[in-house]
Amino acid sequence: MNVTELLDRTAIADALTRYTLAVDRGIWDDLDTVFTPDAHLDYAASGGTAGAYPEAKAWLAEMLPAFSTRTMHTLGQVAVSFSEDRSTAEVSAYFHNPMVISDGHGGERVVEVGGIYHHAFVRTPDGWRSRALREEVVWTRGF
């Protein structure tokens, strides 16, 4: 592994972190620094939307605040596979996402989702961006 590859891996890891922070904080415009304008996002595995980035971004902004009062993504086991010309990368990242939701009786409860985010990253003039995200749900708890 050379310095260029280390820098690319770090830039991709930073984009993954920006994704989780944007979603957890509800700062939806920060997702513009993660995805290409023509990206495709697929949350069907968790009962969500699948479609073009602008529509998926709007869906996240509408649905997630209503679903959860607090979330906190954790990422781990990030695997990066670069294309031969290093212009694209297939990225898989394990995730754990506990969320605090209403229990329907004036209290709260925690629900959790664990899975793998599958991204197709592309090198752009603005840095590494995801042009596709597919969420794979491996387990849930508390629903």
Protein backbone atom coordinates (compact mmCIF):
# COMPACT_ATOMS: atom_id res chain seq x y z
CA MET A 1 0.00 0.00 0.00
CA ASN A 2 1.41 3.37 -0.99
CA VAL A 3 0.74 6.90 0.27
CA THR A 4 -1.76 7.67 -2.51
CA GLU A 5 -3.85 4.65 -1.60
CA LEU A 6 -3.74 5.59 2.09
CA LEU A 7 -4.91 9.11 1.23
CA ASP A 8 -7.74 7.72 -0.93
CA ARG A 9 -8.83 5.34 1.82
CA THR A 10 -8.83 8.20 4.32
CA ALA A 11 -10.89 10.40 2.00
CA ILE A 12 -13.45 7.60 1.55
CA ALA A 13 -13.58 7.00 5.31
CA ASP A 14 -14.18 10.74 5.79
CA ALA A 15 -17.10 10.60 3.33
CA LEU A 16 -18.60 7.65 5.25
CA THR A 17 -18.29 9.63 8.49
CA ARG A 18 -19.90 12.69 6.88
CA TYR A 19 -22.80 10.46 5.87
CA THR A 20 -23.45 9.17 9.38
CA LEU A 21 -23.07 12.62 10.95
CA ALA A 22 -25.43 14.21 8.42
CA VAL A 23 -28.09 11.57 9.04
CA ASP A 24 -27.68 11.54 12.82
CA ARG A 25 -27.74 15.33 13.08
CA GLY A 26 -30.42 15.88 10.45
CA ILE A 27 -28.19 18.18 8.42
CA TRP A 28 -29.40 16.91 5.07
CA ASP A 29 -27.46 19.32 2.85
CA ASP A 30 -24.22 17.82 4.21
CA LEU A 31 -25.15 14.72 2.21
CA ASP A 32 -24.24 16.74 -0.90
CA THR A 33 -20.59 16.27 0.13
CA VAL A 34 -21.08 12.48 0.21
CA PHE A 35 -23.07 11.66 -2.93
CA THR A 36 -22.82 12.55 -6.60
CA PRO A 37 -25.86 14.47 -7.90
CA ASP A 38 -26.85 11.43 -9.99
CA ALA A 39 -26.37 8.87 -7.20
CA HIS A 40 -28.86 6.07 -6.55
CA LEU A 41 -29.72 5.25 -2.91
CA ASP A 42 -31.47 2.03 -1.91
CA TYR A 43 -32.97 1.67 1.55
CA ALA A 44 -35.52 -0.97 0.51
CA ALA A 45 -34.05 -3.59 2.87
CA SER A 46 -35.25 -1.53 5.84
CA GLY A 47 -38.59 -0.64 4.31
CA GLY A 48 -37.38 2.64 2.88
CA THR A 49 -37.12 4.25 -0.49
CA ALA A 50 -34.93 3.37 -3.45
CA GLY A 51 -34.25 5.98 -6.08
CA ALA A 52 -32.34 8.98 -7.32
CA TYR A 53 -30.34 10.95 -4.78
CA PRO A 54 -32.53 14.09 -4.71
CA GLU A 55 -35.65 12.04 -3.99
CA ALA A 56 -33.87 9.82 -1.45
CA LYS A 57 -32.44 12.89 0.32
CA ALA A 58 -35.93 14.40 0.58
CA TRP A 59 -37.28 11.09 1.88
CA LEU A 60 -34.58 10.94 4.58
CA ALA A 61 -35.34 14.52 5.62
CA GLU A 62 -39.05 13.77 5.86
CA MET A 63 -39.06 10.30 7.41
CA LEU A 64 -36.13 10.04 9.79
CA PRO A 65 -37.07 12.89 12.14
CA ALA A 66 -40.56 11.43 12.49
CA PHE A 67 -39.16 7.97 13.17
CA SER A 68 -36.45 8.68 15.68
CA THR A 69 -35.76 11.39 18.22
CA ARG A 70 -32.07 10.46 18.43
CA THR A 71 -29.76 8.25 16.37
CA MET A 72 -26.09 7.39 16.59
CA HIS A 73 -24.47 5.46 13.75
CA THR A 74 -21.28 3.54 14.33
CA LEU A 75 -19.23 2.22 11.40
CA GLY A 76 -16.61 -0.51 11.34
CA GLN A 77 -14.90 -3.09 9.14
CA VAL A 78 -14.61 -0.84 6.11
CA ALA A 79 -13.47 -2.77 3.03
CA VAL A 80 -12.29 -0.81 -0.01
CA SER A 81 -11.57 -2.33 -3.42
CA PHE A 82 -10.19 0.09 -6.01
CA SER A 83 -10.56 -0.28 -9.75
CA GLU A 84 -7.34 -0.82 -11.67
CA ASP A 85 -7.21 2.83 -12.77
CA ARG A 86 -8.12 3.97 -9.23
CA SER A 87 -11.03 6.09 -10.48
CA THR A 88 -13.68 4.06 -8.66
CA ALA A 89 -13.92 1.96 -5.51
CA GLU A 90 -16.39 -0.59 -4.17
CA VAL A 91 -16.80 0.02 -0.44
CA SER A 92 -18.57 -2.04 2.21
CA ALA A 93 -18.91 -0.77 5.77
CA TYR A 94 -20.54 -2.53 8.71
CA PHE A 95 -22.95 -0.31 10.62
CA HIS A 96 -24.75 -0.34 13.94
CA ASN A 97 -27.54 2.20 14.32
CA PRO A 98 -29.35 2.49 17.66
CA MET A 99 -32.29 4.90 17.59
CA VAL A 100 -34.42 6.33 20.39
CA ILE A 101 -38.10 6.33 19.49
CA SER A 102 -41.38 7.00 21.27
CA ASP A 103 -42.87 3.99 22.99
CA GLY A 104 -46.35 5.33 22.26
CA HIS A 105 -47.08 5.85 25.96
CA GLY A 106 -45.16 9.05 26.68
CA GLY A 107 -41.81 7.32 27.12
CA GLU A 108 -38.99 6.17 24.90
CA ARG A 109 -37.39 2.95 23.80
CA VAL A 110 -34.30 2.00 21.83
CA VAL A 111 -34.46 0.11 18.55
CA GLU A 112 -31.38 -1.03 16.65
CA VAL A 113 -30.39 -1.91 13.12
CA GLY A 114 -27.17 -3.65 12.13
CA GLY A 115 -26.01 -4.22 8.61
CA ILE A 116 -23.68 -3.32 5.81
CA TYR A 117 -23.61 -0.20 3.66
CA HIS A 118 -22.51 -1.03 0.11
CA HIS A 119 -21.21 2.00 -1.78
CA ALA A 120 -19.88 2.57 -5.28
CA PHE A 121 -17.47 5.48 -4.92
CA VAL A 122 -16.09 7.56 -7.76
CA ARG A 123 -13.25 10.05 -7.79
CA THR A 124 -14.60 13.52 -8.66
CA PRO A 125 -13.03 16.98 -8.91
CA ASP A 126 -14.48 17.55 -5.40
CA GLY A 127 -13.01 14.33 -4.00
CA TRP A 128 -14.41 10.84 -3.51
CA ARG A 129 -18.22 10.67 -3.73
CA SER A 130 -20.67 7.79 -3.58
CA ARG A 131 -22.65 7.28 -6.76
CA ALA A 132 -24.61 4.39 -5.28
CA LEU A 133 -25.58 3.21 -1.79
CA ARG A 134 -27.38 0.00 -0.96
CA GLU A 135 -28.27 -0.71 2.65
CA GLU A 136 -28.15 -4.39 3.63
CA VAL A 137 -29.95 -5.09 6.90
CA VAL A 138 -28.40 -8.04 8.76
CA TRP A 139 -30.26 -7.79 12.06
CA THR A 140 -32.71 -5.66 14.03
CA ARG A 141 -33.69 -5.45 17.66
CA GLY A 142 -36.53 -3.79 19.55
CA PHE A 143 -38.94 -3.14 16.70
